[in-house]
């Protein structure tokens, strides 16, 4: 299962940003994490089982990217 990127942005962008901002504490870094997460979704060839699986994957990627970003600062 794959959802169009427009659907992903509409449904998950705010949640991804909230998670990233909570970890990074910087609006700019939070926006970067969301953008990087969406790019990761576009570039993955993973076939997801359900929409909930996509959501969980996106959140995990965003959390990991945010943690990596805070380690670099």
C-alpha atoms as a PDB file:
ATOM      1  CA  UNK A   1       0.000   0.000   0.000  1.00  0.00           C
ATOM      2  CA  UNK A   2       1.246   3.461  -0.914  1.00  0.00           C
ATOM      3  CA  UNK A   3      -0.531   6.759  -0.348  1.00  0.00           C
ATOM      4  CA  UNK A   4       0.062   9.789  -2.574  1.00  0.00           C
ATOM      5  CA  UNK A   5       2.463  12.321  -1.067  1.00  0.00           C
ATOM      6  CA  UNK A   6      -0.326  14.925  -1.056  1.00  0.00           C
ATOM      7  CA  UNK A   7      -2.354  12.662   1.238  1.00  0.00           C
ATOM      8  CA  UNK A   8       0.650  12.068   3.478  1.00  0.00           C
ATOM      9  CA  UNK A   9       1.261  15.807   3.801  1.00  0.00           C
ATOM     10  CA  UNK A  10      -2.387  16.590   4.528  1.00  0.00           C
ATOM     11  CA  UNK A  11      -2.825  13.841   7.106  1.00  0.00           C
ATOM     12  CA  UNK A  12       0.531  13.713   8.874  1.00  0.00           C
ATOM     13  CA  UNK A  13       2.477  16.951   8.447  1.00  0.00           C
ATOM     14  CA  UNK A  14       1.231  18.549  11.679  1.00  0.00           C
ATOM     15  CA  UNK A  15       1.858  15.413  13.756  1.00  0.00           C
ATOM     16  CA  UNK A  16       5.334  14.997  12.320  1.00  0.00           C
ATOM     17  CA  UNK A  17       6.137  18.636  13.017  1.00  0.00           C
ATOM     18  CA  UNK A  18       4.855  18.387  16.603  1.00  0.00           C
ATOM     19  CA  UNK A  19       7.043  15.345  17.279  1.00  0.00           C
ATOM     20  CA  UNK A  20      10.088  16.941  15.658  1.00  0.00           C
ATOM     21  CA  UNK A  21       9.628  20.243  17.483  1.00  0.00           C
ATOM     22  CA  UNK A  22       9.249  18.435  20.801  1.00  0.00           C
ATOM     23  CA  UNK A  23      12.630  16.772  20.283  1.00  0.00           C
ATOM     24  CA  UNK A  24      14.552  19.520  18.464  1.00  0.00           C
ATOM     25  CA  UNK A  25      13.154  22.545  20.334  1.00  0.00           C
ATOM     26  CA  UNK A  26      13.754  24.606  17.189  1.00  0.00           C
ATOM     27  CA  UNK A  27      11.060  25.472  14.624  1.00  0.00           C
ATOM     28  CA  UNK A  28      13.583  25.486  11.788  1.00  0.00           C
ATOM     29  CA  UNK A  29      14.985  22.089  12.754  1.00  0.00           C
ATOM     30  CA  UNK A  30      11.437  20.765  13.129  1.00  0.00           C
ATOM     31  CA  UNK A  31      10.591  21.882   9.611  1.00  0.00           C
ATOM     32  CA  UNK A  32      13.784  20.285   8.296  1.00  0.00           C
ATOM     33  CA  UNK A  33      12.904  17.000   9.986  1.00  0.00           C
ATOM     34  CA  UNK A  34       9.424  17.004   8.425  1.00  0.00           C
ATOM     35  CA  UNK A  35      10.889  17.706   4.999  1.00  0.00           C
ATOM     36  CA  UNK A  36      13.522  14.974   5.415  1.00  0.00           C
ATOM     37  CA  UNK A  37      10.859  12.520   6.583  1.00  0.00           C
ATOM     38  CA  UNK A  38       8.639  13.243   3.586  1.00  0.00           C
ATOM     39  CA  UNK A  39      11.611  12.825   1.270  1.00  0.00           C
ATOM     40  CA  UNK A  40      12.384   9.492   2.927  1.00  0.00           C
ATOM     41  CA  UNK A  41       8.802   8.376   2.240  1.00  0.00           C
ATOM     42  CA  UNK A  42       9.120   9.405  -1.403  1.00  0.00           C
ATOM     43  CA  UNK A  43      12.403   7.575  -1.844  1.00  0.00           C
ATOM     44  CA  UNK A  44      11.494   4.343  -0.060  1.00  0.00           C
ATOM     45  CA  UNK A  45      10.251   1.432  -2.119  1.00  0.00           C
ATOM     46  CA  UNK A  46       8.622  -0.102   0.929  1.00  0.00           C
ATOM     47  CA  UNK A  47       5.121  -1.483   0.469  1.00  0.00           C
ATOM     48  CA  UNK A  48       3.134  -0.763   3.615  1.00  0.00           C
ATOM     49  CA  UNK A  49       0.413  -3.058   4.922  1.00  0.00           C
ATOM     50  CA  UNK A  50      -2.018  -0.391   6.157  1.00  0.00           C
ATOM     51  CA  UNK A  51      -2.388   3.353   6.586  1.00  0.00           C
ATOM     52  CA  UNK A  52      -1.583   2.830  10.276  1.00  0.00           C
ATOM     53  CA  UNK A  53       1.688   1.165   9.261  1.00  0.00           C
ATOM     54  CA  UNK A  54       2.541   4.219   7.134  1.00  0.00           C
ATOM     55  CA  UNK A  55       1.768   6.518  10.072  1.00  0.00           C
ATOM     56  CA  UNK A  56       3.928   4.490  12.456  1.00  0.00           C
ATOM     57  CA  UNK A  57       6.793   4.401   9.941  1.00  0.00           C
ATOM     58  CA  UNK A  58       6.613   8.159   9.351  1.00  0.00           C
ATOM     59  CA  UNK A  59       6.621   8.903  13.065  1.00  0.00           C
ATOM     60  CA  UNK A  60       9.571   6.583  13.706  1.00  0.00           C
ATOM     61  CA  UNK A  61      11.558   8.151  10.860  1.00  0.00           C
ATOM     62  CA  UNK A  62      10.759  11.656  12.138  1.00  0.00           C
ATOM     63  CA  UNK A  63      11.780  10.746  15.692  1.00  0.00           C
ATOM     64  CA  UNK A  64      15.060   9.238  14.519  1.00  0.00           C
ATOM     65  CA  UNK A  65      15.859  12.196  12.253  1.00  0.00           C
ATOM     66  CA  UNK A  66      15.045  14.666  15.039  1.00  0.00           C
ATOM     67  CA  UNK A  67      17.261  12.799  17.501  1.00  0.00           C
ATOM     68  CA  UNK A  68      20.087  12.754  14.958  1.00  0.00           C
ATOM     69  CA  UNK A  69      19.688  16.478  14.375  1.00  0.00           C
ATOM     70  CA  UNK A  70      19.873  17.286  18.097  1.00  0.00           C
ATOM     71  CA  UNK A  71      23.010  15.157  18.486  1.00  0.00           C
ATOM     72  CA  UNK A  72      24.746  17.229  15.828  1.00  0.00           C
ATOM     73  CA  UNK A  73      24.075  20.547  17.619  1.00  0.00           C
END
